[in-house]
Amino acid sequence: MTGELSQLTGLDEQTRKYFVHESSYVDQSSKIGDGTKIWHFCHVMKHATIGKDCVLGQNVHVGPNVVIGNRCKIQNNVSLYDGVILEDDVFCGPSMVFTNVINPRSAIERKHEFRLTLVKTSATIGANATLLCGHTIGRYAFIGAGAVVTKDVPDYALVIGNPGRMSGWMCRCGLKLRFERNQHEEGSYCKNCGAQYVKRREIVRLLDSARV
């Protein structure tokens, strides 16, 4: 996560440099970056960290110790629980689900068993997708709507279905890539943004900067 986080939480509306709708609650010990907007019926709990220029839609819950990077967009009805880390520019679609315990029981305390879920820079998680805890979503990965992610997802990967399965690769501008074989590796060129990629042994690497 880049950039410094503002520590203006708890100050009045004239002093703070982020927006919180009057129906939302922000706990005193949380940290929220400049330019962030927190809309209706949200709750940001203690020791949560939210970066600059983020948007939290209606009814978003940010649990204790959650870390959210800069410019993230979290749509309506998303809950981020203790153990979730979002790097910069992550998109969380409406009503997608994070978990933080692999085998919950109401009668058994599991707080010491929380598992880390890391969503890396510029990944997209579609509406109603579910991420089982303990996994990493790679840079610019794309999780389709309704997918159930049960394992790590590589950079640029497209995952769909239940259980989630690899269905291709995505450009960082958000369009699906088509690879053509050339000797020992495969290459792809995005006609939309101009980015070039190579794929070798199911690892995709960006060759040059895209115009996005």
N, C-alpha and C. Protein backbone atom coordinates (compact mmCIF):
# COMPACT_ATOMS: atom_id res chain seq x y z
N MET A 1 0.84 -1.18 0.00
CA MET A 1 0.00 0.00 0.00
C MET A 1 0.88 1.23 0.00
N THR A 2 0.58 2.22 -0.84
CA THR A 2 1.41 3.39 -0.95
C THR A 2 0.72 4.60 -0.33
N GLY A 3 1.52 5.62 0.02
CA GLY A 3 0.96 6.84 0.55
C GLY A 3 0.73 6.77 2.04
N GLU A 4 0.73 7.95 2.67
CA GLU A 4 0.50 8.01 4.11
C GLU A 4 -0.98 8.13 4.38
N LEU A 5 -1.40 7.57 5.49
CA LEU A 5 -2.80 7.59 5.86
C LEU A 5 -3.07 8.75 6.81
N SER A 6 -4.16 9.46 6.57
CA SER A 6 -4.57 10.52 7.48
C SER A 6 -5.04 9.93 8.80
N GLN A 7 -4.81 10.64 9.89
CA GLN A 7 -5.26 10.20 11.20
C GLN A 7 -6.28 11.19 11.75
N LEU A 8 -7.22 11.60 10.90
CA LEU A 8 -8.20 12.62 11.28
C LEU A 8 -9.48 12.04 11.84
N THR A 9 -9.53 10.69 12.00
CA THR A 9 -10.75 10.05 12.49
C THR A 9 -11.19 10.66 13.80
N GLY A 10 -12.49 10.94 13.90
CA GLY A 10 -13.04 11.46 15.13
C GLY A 10 -13.12 12.97 15.16
N LEU A 11 -12.49 13.67 14.23
CA LEU A 11 -12.58 15.12 14.19
C LEU A 11 -13.89 15.54 13.53
N ASP A 12 -14.25 16.81 13.69
CA ASP A 12 -15.53 17.26 13.18
C ASP A 12 -15.48 17.40 11.66
N GLU A 13 -16.64 17.62 11.05
CA GLU A 13 -16.75 17.61 9.60
C GLU A 13 -15.94 18.72 8.95
N GLN A 14 -15.75 19.86 9.64
CA GLN A 14 -14.99 20.95 9.08
C GLN A 14 -13.50 20.66 9.06
N THR A 15 -13.04 19.78 9.94
CA THR A 15 -11.60 19.52 10.07
C THR A 15 -11.16 18.31 9.26
N ARG A 16 -11.93 17.25 9.28
CA ARG A 16 -11.51 16.03 8.61
C ARG A 16 -11.54 16.20 7.10
N LYS A 17 -10.75 15.39 6.41
CA LYS A 17 -10.59 15.52 4.96
C LYS A 17 -11.18 14.33 4.22
N TYR A 18 -12.13 13.66 4.83
CA TYR A 18 -12.86 12.57 4.19
C TYR A 18 -14.33 12.74 4.54
N PHE A 19 -15.21 12.03 3.82
CA PHE A 19 -16.65 12.17 4.02
C PHE A 19 -17.22 10.94 4.68
N VAL A 20 -18.05 11.14 5.69
CA VAL A 20 -18.79 10.05 6.33
C VAL A 20 -20.26 10.47 6.39
N HIS A 21 -21.12 9.65 5.79
CA HIS A 21 -22.56 9.94 5.85
C HIS A 21 -23.03 9.89 7.30
N GLU A 22 -24.01 10.73 7.62
CA GLU A 22 -24.48 10.84 9.00
C GLU A 22 -25.06 9.55 9.56
N SER A 23 -25.44 8.60 8.69
CA SER A 23 -26.00 7.33 9.17
C SER A 23 -24.92 6.29 9.49
N SER A 24 -23.66 6.61 9.23
CA SER A 24 -22.57 5.64 9.42
C SER A 24 -21.82 5.88 10.72
N TYR A 25 -21.09 4.85 11.17
CA TYR A 25 -20.30 4.91 12.39
C TYR A 25 -18.84 4.62 12.06
N VAL A 26 -17.96 5.46 12.58
CA VAL A 26 -16.52 5.27 12.41
C VAL A 26 -15.90 5.27 13.80
N ASP A 27 -15.33 4.17 14.22
CA ASP A 27 -14.74 4.08 15.56
C ASP A 27 -13.51 4.96 15.67
N GLN A 28 -13.29 5.45 16.87
CA GLN A 28 -12.29 6.48 17.12
C GLN A 28 -10.88 6.08 16.70
N SER A 29 -10.49 4.84 16.88
CA SER A 29 -9.10 4.44 16.64
C SER A 29 -8.82 4.00 15.20
N SER A 30 -9.81 4.11 14.33
CA SER A 30 -9.58 3.79 12.92
C SER A 30 -8.83 4.93 12.24
N LYS A 31 -8.24 4.63 11.07
CA LYS A 31 -7.50 5.64 10.31
C LYS A 31 -8.06 5.69 8.90
N ILE A 32 -8.38 6.88 8.42
CA ILE A 32 -9.01 7.04 7.13
C ILE A 32 -8.28 8.10 6.33
N GLY A 33 -7.94 7.79 5.07
CA GLY A 33 -7.17 8.69 4.23
C GLY A 33 -8.00 9.80 3.61
N ASP A 34 -7.32 10.85 3.20
CA ASP A 34 -7.95 12.01 2.59
C ASP A 34 -8.74 11.61 1.33
N GLY A 35 -9.90 12.24 1.16
CA GLY A 35 -10.69 12.04 -0.04
C GLY A 35 -11.57 10.82 -0.05
N THR A 36 -11.50 9.99 0.97
CA THR A 36 -12.33 8.78 1.03
C THR A 36 -13.78 9.15 1.35
N LYS A 37 -14.71 8.42 0.76
CA LYS A 37 -16.14 8.63 0.98
C LYS A 37 -16.77 7.37 1.56
N ILE A 38 -17.45 7.53 2.68
CA ILE A 38 -18.11 6.43 3.37
C ILE A 38 -19.61 6.73 3.39
N TRP A 39 -20.38 5.94 2.65
CA TRP A 39 -21.78 6.26 2.44
C TRP A 39 -22.69 5.62 3.49
N HIS A 40 -23.97 5.49 3.18
CA HIS A 40 -25.02 5.19 4.16
C HIS A 40 -24.79 3.86 4.89
N PHE A 41 -25.06 3.87 6.20
CA PHE A 41 -25.20 2.66 7.04
C PHE A 41 -23.93 1.81 7.09
N CYS A 42 -22.77 2.43 7.00
CA CYS A 42 -21.50 1.70 7.13
C CYS A 42 -21.02 1.71 8.57
N HIS A 43 -20.14 0.76 8.89
CA HIS A 43 -19.47 0.75 10.19
C HIS A 43 -18.00 0.42 9.98
N VAL A 44 -17.13 1.35 10.36
CA VAL A 44 -15.69 1.13 10.33
C VAL A 44 -15.24 0.93 11.78
N MET A 45 -14.74 -0.27 12.10
CA MET A 45 -14.45 -0.62 13.48
C MET A 45 -13.02 -0.25 13.88
N LYS A 46 -12.73 -0.46 15.15
CA LYS A 46 -11.47 -0.01 15.75
C LYS A 46 -10.26 -0.61 15.04
N HIS A 47 -9.23 0.22 14.93
CA HIS A 47 -7.93 -0.17 14.37
C HIS A 47 -8.00 -0.55 12.89
N ALA A 48 -9.11 -0.28 12.23
CA ALA A 48 -9.15 -0.46 10.77
C ALA A 48 -8.39 0.68 10.10
N THR A 49 -7.82 0.39 8.93
CA THR A 49 -7.06 1.39 8.18
C THR A 49 -7.61 1.45 6.75
N ILE A 50 -8.01 2.63 6.32
CA ILE A 50 -8.53 2.85 4.98
C ILE A 50 -7.70 3.94 4.32
N GLY A 51 -7.24 3.69 3.09
CA GLY A 51 -6.37 4.62 2.40
C GLY A 51 -7.09 5.82 1.81
N LYS A 52 -6.41 6.52 0.92
CA LYS A 52 -6.93 7.73 0.30
C LYS A 52 -7.87 7.41 -0.87
N ASP A 53 -8.87 8.30 -1.06
CA ASP A 53 -9.73 8.29 -2.24
C ASP A 53 -10.46 6.97 -2.45
N CYS A 54 -10.82 6.30 -1.37
CA CYS A 54 -11.64 5.09 -1.45
C CYS A 54 -13.12 5.46 -1.46
N VAL A 55 -13.96 4.53 -1.93
CA VAL A 55 -15.40 4.70 -1.86
C VAL A 55 -16.00 3.46 -1.23
N LEU A 56 -16.72 3.65 -0.13
CA LEU A 56 -17.45 2.57 0.52
C LEU A 56 -18.93 2.81 0.29
N GLY A 57 -19.58 1.89 -0.41
CA GLY A 57 -21.00 2.04 -0.71
C GLY A 57 -21.87 1.76 0.50
N GLN A 58 -23.15 1.68 0.28
CA GLN A 58 -24.11 1.49 1.37
C GLN A 58 -23.92 0.15 2.07
N ASN A 59 -24.00 0.18 3.41
CA ASN A 59 -24.02 -1.03 4.24
C ASN A 59 -22.72 -1.83 4.13
N VAL A 60 -21.58 -1.14 4.15
CA VAL A 60 -20.29 -1.81 4.18
C VAL A 60 -19.79 -1.89 5.61
N HIS A 61 -19.32 -3.07 6.00
CA HIS A 61 -18.76 -3.30 7.33
C HIS A 61 -17.26 -3.53 7.21
N VAL A 62 -16.47 -2.74 7.93
CA VAL A 62 -15.01 -2.89 7.94
C VAL A 62 -14.61 -3.29 9.36
N GLY A 63 -14.18 -4.54 9.52
CA GLY A 63 -13.90 -5.09 10.83
C GLY A 63 -12.60 -4.59 11.44
N PRO A 64 -12.34 -4.95 12.70
CA PRO A 64 -11.12 -4.55 13.36
C PRO A 64 -9.88 -5.04 12.62
N ASN A 65 -8.88 -4.17 12.53
CA ASN A 65 -7.55 -4.51 11.97
C ASN A 65 -7.55 -4.72 10.47
N VAL A 66 -8.68 -4.54 9.80
CA VAL A 66 -8.71 -4.65 8.34
C VAL A 66 -7.86 -3.52 7.74
N VAL A 67 -7.16 -3.83 6.65
CA VAL A 67 -6.35 -2.83 5.95
C VAL A 67 -6.87 -2.71 4.52
N ILE A 68 -7.20 -1.48 4.13
CA ILE A 68 -7.68 -1.17 2.78
C ILE A 68 -6.75 -0.13 2.18
N GLY A 69 -6.23 -0.40 0.99
CA GLY A 69 -5.29 0.52 0.35
C GLY A 69 -5.97 1.74 -0.25
N ASN A 70 -5.24 2.44 -1.09
CA ASN A 70 -5.74 3.66 -1.73
C ASN A 70 -6.62 3.33 -2.94
N ARG A 71 -7.61 4.19 -3.16
CA ARG A 71 -8.47 4.16 -4.36
C ARG A 71 -9.25 2.85 -4.52
N CYS A 72 -9.53 2.18 -3.43
CA CYS A 72 -10.36 0.98 -3.51
C CYS A 72 -11.83 1.35 -3.60
N LYS A 73 -12.60 0.55 -4.32
CA LYS A 73 -14.04 0.74 -4.43
C LYS A 73 -14.74 -0.50 -3.88
N ILE A 74 -15.50 -0.30 -2.82
CA ILE A 74 -16.19 -1.40 -2.14
C ILE A 74 -17.68 -1.13 -2.26
N GLN A 75 -18.36 -1.96 -3.02
CA GLN A 75 -19.77 -1.73 -3.35
C GLN A 75 -20.69 -2.15 -2.19
N ASN A 76 -21.99 -1.94 -2.39
CA ASN A 76 -22.97 -2.15 -1.33
C ASN A 76 -22.93 -3.57 -0.74
N ASN A 77 -23.17 -3.65 0.57
CA ASN A 77 -23.40 -4.91 1.28
C ASN A 77 -22.18 -5.83 1.32
N VAL A 78 -20.99 -5.25 1.46
CA VAL A 78 -19.78 -6.04 1.58
C VAL A 78 -19.25 -5.93 3.02
N SER A 79 -18.87 -7.07 3.60
CA SER A 79 -18.26 -7.08 4.93
C SER A 79 -16.82 -7.57 4.82
N LEU A 80 -15.90 -6.77 5.37
CA LEU A 80 -14.49 -7.14 5.40
C LEU A 80 -14.13 -7.45 6.85
N TYR A 81 -13.77 -8.69 7.11
CA TYR A 81 -13.53 -9.14 8.48
C TYR A 81 -12.05 -9.10 8.83
N ASP A 82 -11.79 -9.16 10.12
CA ASP A 82 -10.41 -9.20 10.63
C ASP A 82 -9.62 -10.28 9.88
N GLY A 83 -8.49 -9.89 9.30
CA GLY A 83 -7.70 -10.81 8.50
C GLY A 83 -7.70 -10.48 7.02
N VAL A 84 -8.55 -9.53 6.60
CA VAL A 84 -8.62 -9.14 5.19
C VAL A 84 -7.70 -7.95 4.94
N ILE A 85 -6.89 -8.04 3.89
CA ILE A 85 -6.03 -6.94 3.46
C ILE A 85 -6.28 -6.70 1.97
N LEU A 86 -6.62 -5.47 1.62
CA LEU A 86 -6.75 -5.05 0.23
C LEU A 86 -5.61 -4.10 -0.11
N GLU A 87 -4.87 -4.39 -1.16
CA GLU A 87 -3.88 -3.43 -1.64
C GLU A 87 -4.57 -2.34 -2.45
N ASP A 88 -3.80 -1.48 -3.11
CA ASP A 88 -4.38 -0.34 -3.83
C ASP A 88 -5.26 -0.77 -5.00
N ASP A 89 -6.29 0.05 -5.28
CA ASP A 89 -7.11 -0.05 -6.49
C ASP A 89 -7.89 -1.36 -6.62
N VAL A 90 -8.25 -1.97 -5.52
CA VAL A 90 -9.06 -3.19 -5.54
C VAL A 90 -10.54 -2.81 -5.70
N PHE A 91 -11.26 -3.61 -6.50
CA PHE A 91 -12.70 -3.44 -6.67
C PHE A 91 -13.42 -4.63 -6.06
N CYS A 92 -14.34 -4.36 -5.13
CA CYS A 92 -15.18 -5.40 -4.52
C CYS A 92 -16.62 -5.17 -4.95
N GLY A 93 -17.18 -6.09 -5.75
CA GLY A 93 -18.52 -5.93 -6.28
C GLY A 93 -19.60 -6.10 -5.23
N PRO A 94 -20.85 -5.70 -5.55
CA PRO A 94 -21.94 -5.75 -4.59
C PRO A 94 -22.16 -7.14 -4.00
N SER A 95 -22.27 -7.18 -2.68
CA SER A 95 -22.63 -8.39 -1.93
C SER A 95 -21.64 -9.53 -2.07
N MET A 96 -20.40 -9.24 -2.51
CA MET A 96 -19.39 -10.31 -2.48
C MET A 96 -19.04 -10.58 -1.02
N VAL A 97 -18.47 -11.78 -0.76
CA VAL A 97 -18.30 -12.26 0.62
C VAL A 97 -16.84 -12.64 0.90
N PHE A 98 -16.32 -12.09 2.00
CA PHE A 98 -15.06 -12.56 2.58
C PHE A 98 -15.39 -13.44 3.79
N THR A 99 -14.53 -14.42 4.05
CA THR A 99 -14.61 -15.16 5.31
C THR A 99 -13.27 -15.05 6.02
N ASN A 100 -13.22 -15.40 7.31
CA ASN A 100 -11.93 -15.41 7.99
C ASN A 100 -11.72 -16.64 8.88
N VAL A 101 -12.70 -17.55 8.89
CA VAL A 101 -12.57 -18.81 9.62
C VAL A 101 -12.95 -19.94 8.68
N ILE A 102 -12.18 -21.01 8.67
CA ILE A 102 -12.40 -22.09 7.71
C ILE A 102 -13.46 -23.10 8.19
N ASN A 103 -13.64 -23.23 9.51
CA ASN A 103 -14.58 -24.23 10.03
C ASN A 103 -15.38 -23.68 11.21
N PRO A 104 -16.20 -22.66 10.99
CA PRO A 104 -16.90 -22.01 12.10
C PRO A 104 -17.94 -22.91 12.78
N ARG A 105 -18.02 -22.76 14.10
CA ARG A 105 -19.10 -23.31 14.91
C ARG A 105 -19.52 -22.22 15.90
N SER A 106 -20.82 -22.04 16.05
CA SER A 106 -21.31 -21.00 16.92
C SER A 106 -20.84 -21.18 18.36
N ALA A 107 -20.74 -22.42 18.83
CA ALA A 107 -20.40 -22.69 20.23
C ALA A 107 -18.90 -22.74 20.50
N ILE A 108 -18.07 -22.60 19.45
CA ILE A 108 -16.62 -22.70 19.63
C ILE A 108 -15.96 -21.40 19.21
N GLU A 109 -15.14 -20.84 20.12
CA GLU A 109 -14.44 -19.59 19.82
C GLU A 109 -13.30 -19.85 18.84
N ARG A 110 -13.29 -19.11 17.72
CA ARG A 110 -12.29 -19.33 16.67
C ARG A 110 -11.43 -18.10 16.41
N LYS A 111 -11.48 -17.08 17.26
CA LYS A 111 -10.77 -15.83 16.97
C LYS A 111 -9.27 -16.03 16.81
N HIS A 112 -8.71 -17.01 17.49
CA HIS A 112 -7.27 -17.27 17.38
C HIS A 112 -6.93 -18.04 16.09
N GLU A 113 -7.96 -18.38 15.31
CA GLU A 113 -7.75 -19.15 14.08
C GLU A 113 -8.03 -18.35 12.81
N PHE A 114 -8.19 -17.03 12.95
CA PHE A 114 -8.45 -16.22 11.76
C PHE A 114 -7.35 -16.42 10.73
N ARG A 115 -7.75 -16.54 9.46
CA ARG A 115 -6.78 -16.72 8.38
C ARG A 115 -6.72 -15.47 7.49
N LEU A 116 -5.53 -15.15 7.05
CA LEU A 116 -5.30 -13.96 6.23
C LEU A 116 -5.82 -14.17 4.81
N THR A 117 -6.53 -13.17 4.31
CA THR A 117 -6.90 -13.10 2.90
C THR A 117 -6.29 -11.84 2.32
N LEU A 118 -5.42 -11.99 1.33
CA LEU A 118 -4.72 -10.86 0.71
C LEU A 118 -5.22 -10.69 -0.72
N VAL A 119 -5.72 -9.49 -1.02
CA VAL A 119 -6.14 -9.16 -2.38
C VAL A 119 -5.15 -8.12 -2.91
N LYS A 120 -4.40 -8.49 -3.93
CA LYS A 120 -3.30 -7.64 -4.40
C LYS A 120 -3.80 -6.54 -5.33
N THR A 121 -2.88 -5.67 -5.69
CA THR A 121 -3.17 -4.43 -6.41
C THR A 121 -4.03 -4.65 -7.66
N SER A 122 -5.11 -3.86 -7.74
CA SER A 122 -5.96 -3.76 -8.93
C SER A 122 -6.75 -5.01 -9.26
N ALA A 123 -6.87 -5.94 -8.32
CA ALA A 123 -7.73 -7.10 -8.54
C ALA A 123 -9.20 -6.68 -8.51
N THR A 124 -10.02 -7.43 -9.26
CA THR A 124 -11.47 -7.20 -9.30
C THR A 124 -12.18 -8.43 -8.78
N ILE A 125 -13.14 -8.22 -7.88
CA ILE A 125 -13.96 -9.31 -7.35
C ILE A 125 -15.41 -9.00 -7.71
N GLY A 126 -16.04 -9.86 -8.50
CA GLY A 126 -17.37 -9.59 -9.02
C GLY A 126 -18.47 -9.75 -7.98
N ALA A 127 -19.66 -9.27 -8.33
CA ALA A 127 -20.82 -9.32 -7.46
C ALA A 127 -21.13 -10.74 -7.02
N ASN A 128 -21.43 -10.89 -5.72
CA ASN A 128 -21.85 -12.17 -5.13
C ASN A 128 -20.78 -13.25 -5.14
N ALA A 129 -19.55 -12.92 -5.48
CA ALA A 129 -18.47 -13.89 -5.37
C ALA A 129 -18.16 -14.15 -3.89
N THR A 130 -17.60 -15.33 -3.60
CA THR A 130 -17.22 -15.69 -2.24
C THR A 130 -15.75 -16.09 -2.23
N LEU A 131 -14.99 -15.51 -1.30
CA LEU A 131 -13.57 -15.85 -1.15
C LEU A 131 -13.38 -16.59 0.16
N LEU A 132 -13.06 -17.89 0.09
CA LEU A 132 -12.72 -18.61 1.31
C LEU A 132 -11.39 -18.09 1.84
N CYS A 133 -11.28 -17.97 3.14
CA CYS A 133 -10.14 -17.31 3.76
C CYS A 133 -8.86 -18.12 3.59
N GLY A 134 -7.73 -17.43 3.78
CA GLY A 134 -6.44 -18.08 3.75
C GLY A 134 -5.78 -18.09 2.39
N HIS A 135 -6.33 -17.34 1.43
CA HIS A 135 -5.80 -17.36 0.07
C HIS A 135 -5.40 -15.96 -0.39
N THR A 136 -4.62 -15.93 -1.48
CA THR A 136 -4.14 -14.68 -2.06
C THR A 136 -4.70 -14.53 -3.47
N ILE A 137 -5.25 -13.35 -3.75
CA ILE A 137 -5.75 -13.01 -5.08
C ILE A 137 -4.69 -12.13 -5.74
N GLY A 138 -4.16 -12.56 -6.88
CA GLY A 138 -3.04 -11.91 -7.51
C GLY A 138 -3.36 -10.55 -8.12
N ARG A 139 -2.32 -9.83 -8.51
CA ARG A 139 -2.44 -8.52 -9.13
C ARG A 139 -3.26 -8.60 -10.43
N TYR A 140 -4.20 -7.71 -10.56
CA TYR A 140 -5.05 -7.60 -11.75
C TYR A 140 -5.87 -8.85 -12.03
N ALA A 141 -5.95 -9.75 -11.07
CA ALA A 141 -6.83 -10.92 -11.24
C ALA A 141 -8.28 -10.46 -11.33
N PHE A 142 -9.11 -11.31 -11.92
CA PHE A 142 -10.52 -10.97 -12.13
C PHE A 142 -11.37 -12.15 -11.69
N ILE A 143 -12.14 -11.96 -10.62
CA ILE A 143 -13.01 -13.00 -10.09
C ILE A 143 -14.42 -12.72 -10.60
N GLY A 144 -14.97 -13.62 -11.40
CA GLY A 144 -16.27 -13.40 -12.01
C GLY A 144 -17.41 -13.40 -10.99
N ALA A 145 -18.52 -12.80 -11.37
CA ALA A 145 -19.70 -12.73 -10.50
C ALA A 145 -20.14 -14.12 -10.07
N GLY A 146 -20.36 -14.29 -8.77
CA GLY A 146 -20.85 -15.55 -8.24
C GLY A 146 -19.82 -16.64 -8.08
N ALA A 147 -18.57 -16.39 -8.43
CA ALA A 147 -17.54 -17.42 -8.29
C ALA A 147 -17.24 -17.70 -6.82
N VAL A 148 -16.80 -18.93 -6.53
CA VAL A 148 -16.40 -19.32 -5.18
C VAL A 148 -14.92 -19.69 -5.22
N VAL A 149 -14.08 -18.85 -4.63
CA VAL A 149 -12.64 -19.01 -4.70
C VAL A 149 -12.17 -19.88 -3.54
N THR A 150 -11.53 -21.01 -3.86
CA THR A 150 -11.10 -21.96 -2.83
C THR A 150 -9.59 -22.16 -2.80
N LYS A 151 -8.85 -21.39 -3.61
CA LYS A 151 -7.39 -21.51 -3.63
C LYS A 151 -6.79 -20.20 -4.13
N ASP A 152 -5.47 -20.08 -4.08
CA ASP A 152 -4.79 -18.88 -4.56
C ASP A 152 -5.09 -18.64 -6.03
N VAL A 153 -5.10 -17.37 -6.42
CA VAL A 153 -5.37 -16.97 -7.80
C VAL A 153 -4.15 -16.21 -8.33
N PRO A 154 -3.57 -16.63 -9.47
CA PRO A 154 -2.38 -15.96 -10.00
C PRO A 154 -2.67 -14.54 -10.51
N ASP A 155 -1.62 -13.76 -10.70
CA ASP A 155 -1.74 -12.46 -11.34
C ASP A 155 -2.43 -12.59 -12.70
N TYR A 156 -3.32 -11.66 -13.00
CA TYR A 156 -4.01 -11.54 -14.29
C TYR A 156 -5.00 -12.67 -14.59
N ALA A 157 -5.20 -13.59 -13.67
CA ALA A 157 -6.06 -14.74 -13.94
C ALA A 157 -7.54 -14.37 -13.90
N LEU A 158 -8.32 -15.02 -14.75
CA LEU A 158 -9.78 -14.94 -14.73
C LEU A 158 -10.32 -16.21 -14.11
N VAL A 159 -11.12 -16.06 -13.04
CA VAL A 159 -11.68 -17.21 -12.34
C VAL A 159 -13.20 -17.09 -12.34
N ILE A 160 -13.88 -18.18 -12.72
CA ILE A 160 -15.34 -18.20 -12.73
C ILE A 160 -15.83 -19.51 -12.12
N GLY A 161 -17.11 -19.57 -11.77
CA GLY A 161 -17.76 -20.82 -11.39
C GLY A 161 -17.66 -21.18 -9.92
N ASN A 162 -18.29 -22.32 -9.59
CA ASN A 162 -18.32 -22.86 -8.23
C ASN A 162 -18.11 -24.38 -8.29
N PRO A 163 -16.94 -24.85 -7.79
CA PRO A 163 -15.83 -24.05 -7.26
C PRO A 163 -15.13 -23.27 -8.37
N GLY A 164 -14.45 -22.20 -7.98
CA GLY A 164 -13.79 -21.34 -8.96
C GLY A 164 -12.74 -22.08 -9.77
N ARG A 165 -12.70 -21.81 -11.06
CA ARG A 165 -11.71 -22.45 -11.93
C ARG A 165 -11.15 -21.40 -12.90
N MET A 166 -9.91 -21.60 -13.29
CA MET A 166 -9.27 -20.71 -14.24
C MET A 166 -9.98 -20.78 -15.59
N SER A 167 -10.28 -19.61 -16.16
CA SER A 167 -10.98 -19.57 -17.44
C SER A 167 -10.28 -18.66 -18.43
N GLY A 168 -9.05 -18.25 -18.12
CA GLY A 168 -8.32 -17.38 -19.03
C GLY A 168 -7.53 -16.34 -18.26
N TRP A 169 -7.18 -15.27 -18.99
CA TRP A 169 -6.33 -14.21 -18.44
C TRP A 169 -6.91 -12.86 -18.82
N MET A 170 -6.69 -11.87 -17.96
CA MET A 170 -7.25 -10.54 -18.17
C MET A 170 -6.15 -9.49 -18.25
N CYS A 171 -6.31 -8.57 -19.19
CA CYS A 171 -5.43 -7.40 -19.25
C CYS A 171 -5.70 -6.51 -18.04
N ARG A 172 -4.74 -5.69 -17.72
CA ARG A 172 -4.96 -4.80 -16.58
C ARG A 172 -5.99 -3.72 -16.89
N CYS A 173 -6.37 -3.55 -18.18
CA CYS A 173 -7.44 -2.61 -18.50
C CYS A 173 -8.81 -3.26 -18.37
N GLY A 174 -8.86 -4.59 -18.13
CA GLY A 174 -10.13 -5.26 -17.86
C GLY A 174 -10.70 -6.06 -19.00
N LEU A 175 -9.94 -6.25 -20.09
CA LEU A 175 -10.41 -7.07 -21.21
C LEU A 175 -9.68 -8.41 -21.22
N LYS A 176 -10.35 -9.43 -21.76
CA LYS A 176 -9.77 -10.77 -21.78
C LYS A 176 -8.65 -10.84 -22.81
N LEU A 177 -7.57 -11.53 -22.44
CA LEU A 177 -6.41 -11.68 -23.31
C LEU A 177 -6.50 -12.96 -24.13
N ARG A 178 -5.94 -12.92 -25.33
CA ARG A 178 -5.79 -14.11 -26.18
C ARG A 178 -4.30 -14.32 -26.44
N PHE A 179 -3.79 -15.49 -26.11
CA PHE A 179 -2.38 -15.77 -26.25
C PHE A 179 -2.11 -16.62 -27.49
N GLU A 180 -0.99 -16.32 -28.16
CA GLU A 180 -0.53 -17.10 -29.30
C GLU A 180 0.86 -17.62 -29.00
N ARG A 181 1.11 -18.89 -29.36
CA ARG A 181 2.38 -19.53 -29.03
C ARG A 181 3.49 -19.05 -29.97
N ASN A 182 4.67 -18.80 -29.36
CA ASN A 182 5.86 -18.40 -30.10
C ASN A 182 7.06 -19.07 -29.44
N GLN A 183 7.54 -20.16 -30.03
CA GLN A 183 8.64 -20.95 -29.50
C GLN A 183 8.30 -21.47 -28.11
N HIS A 184 9.02 -21.04 -27.08
CA HIS A 184 8.87 -21.62 -25.74
C HIS A 184 7.88 -20.87 -24.86
N GLU A 185 7.25 -19.84 -25.39
CA GLU A 185 6.32 -19.07 -24.58
C GLU A 185 5.18 -18.58 -25.45
N GLU A 186 4.16 -18.01 -24.81
CA GLU A 186 3.02 -17.46 -25.52
C GLU A 186 2.96 -15.96 -25.29
N GLY A 187 2.47 -15.23 -26.29
CA GLY A 187 2.38 -13.79 -26.17
C GLY A 187 0.98 -13.28 -26.44
N SER A 188 0.71 -12.09 -25.91
CA SER A 188 -0.59 -11.47 -26.12
C SER A 188 -0.42 -9.96 -26.20
N TYR A 189 -1.20 -9.34 -27.07
CA TYR A 189 -1.19 -7.89 -27.24
C TYR A 189 -2.62 -7.39 -27.09
N CYS A 190 -2.82 -6.42 -26.18
CA CYS A 190 -4.16 -5.87 -25.96
C CYS A 190 -4.41 -4.72 -26.92
N LYS A 191 -5.39 -4.88 -27.78
CA LYS A 191 -5.71 -3.86 -28.77
C LYS A 191 -6.34 -2.62 -28.13
N ASN A 192 -6.87 -2.79 -26.92
CA ASN A 192 -7.52 -1.66 -26.25
C ASN A 192 -6.51 -0.68 -25.65
N CYS A 193 -5.51 -1.21 -24.93
CA CYS A 193 -4.59 -0.32 -24.20
C CYS A 193 -3.14 -0.42 -24.67
N GLY A 194 -2.83 -1.41 -25.52
CA GLY A 194 -1.48 -1.53 -26.04
C GLY A 194 -0.52 -2.34 -25.20
N ALA A 195 -1.00 -2.91 -24.10
CA ALA A 195 -0.11 -3.69 -23.23
C ALA A 195 0.28 -5.01 -23.91
N GLN A 196 1.51 -5.45 -23.67
CA GLN A 196 1.99 -6.73 -24.19
C GLN A 196 2.35 -7.65 -23.03
N TYR A 197 2.00 -8.93 -23.19
CA TYR A 197 2.21 -9.91 -22.15
C TYR A 197 2.90 -11.15 -22.72
N VAL A 198 3.61 -11.85 -21.86
CA VAL A 198 4.09 -13.19 -22.19
C VAL A 198 3.61 -14.16 -21.12
N LYS A 199 3.38 -15.41 -21.54
CA LYS A 199 2.94 -16.47 -20.61
C LYS A 199 3.87 -17.66 -20.76
N ARG A 200 4.43 -18.08 -19.66
CA ARG A 200 5.29 -19.25 -19.65
C ARG A 200 4.99 -20.04 -18.38
N ARG A 201 4.69 -21.35 -18.55
CA ARG A 201 4.37 -22.22 -17.41
C ARG A 201 3.25 -21.62 -16.56
N GLU A 202 2.24 -21.11 -17.22
CA GLU A 202 1.03 -20.58 -16.57
C GLU A 202 1.34 -19.40 -15.66
N ILE A 203 2.39 -18.65 -15.97
CA ILE A 203 2.69 -17.39 -15.28
C ILE A 203 2.67 -16.30 -16.34
N VAL A 204 1.85 -15.29 -16.12
CA VAL A 204 1.71 -14.18 -17.05
C VAL A 204 2.51 -12.98 -16.55
N ARG A 205 3.24 -12.37 -17.47
CA ARG A 205 4.08 -11.22 -17.12
C ARG A 205 3.83 -10.09 -18.12
N LEU A 206 3.69 -8.87 -17.60
CA LEU A 206 3.51 -7.68 -18.43
C LEU A 206 4.85 -7.24 -18.98
N LEU A 207 4.94 -7.03 -20.30
CA LEU A 207 6.18 -6.62 -20.93
C LEU A 207 6.41 -5.13 -20.93
N ASP A 208 5.35 -4.35 -21.16
CA ASP A 208 5.50 -2.90 -21.15
C ASP A 208 4.24 -2.26 -20.59
N SER A 209 4.33 -0.96 -20.36
CA SER A 209 3.24 -0.25 -19.70
C SER A 209 2.06 -0.08 -20.63
N ALA A 210 0.86 -0.29 -20.09
CA ALA A 210 -0.37 -0.04 -20.84
C ALA A 210 -0.77 1.42 -20.67
N ARG A 211 -1.63 1.87 -21.57
CA ARG A 211 -2.08 3.26 -21.51
C ARG A 211 -3.33 3.37 -20.65
N VAL A 212 -3.24 2.89 -19.41
CA VAL A 212 -4.34 3.01 -18.47
C VAL A 212 -3.78 3.40 -17.12
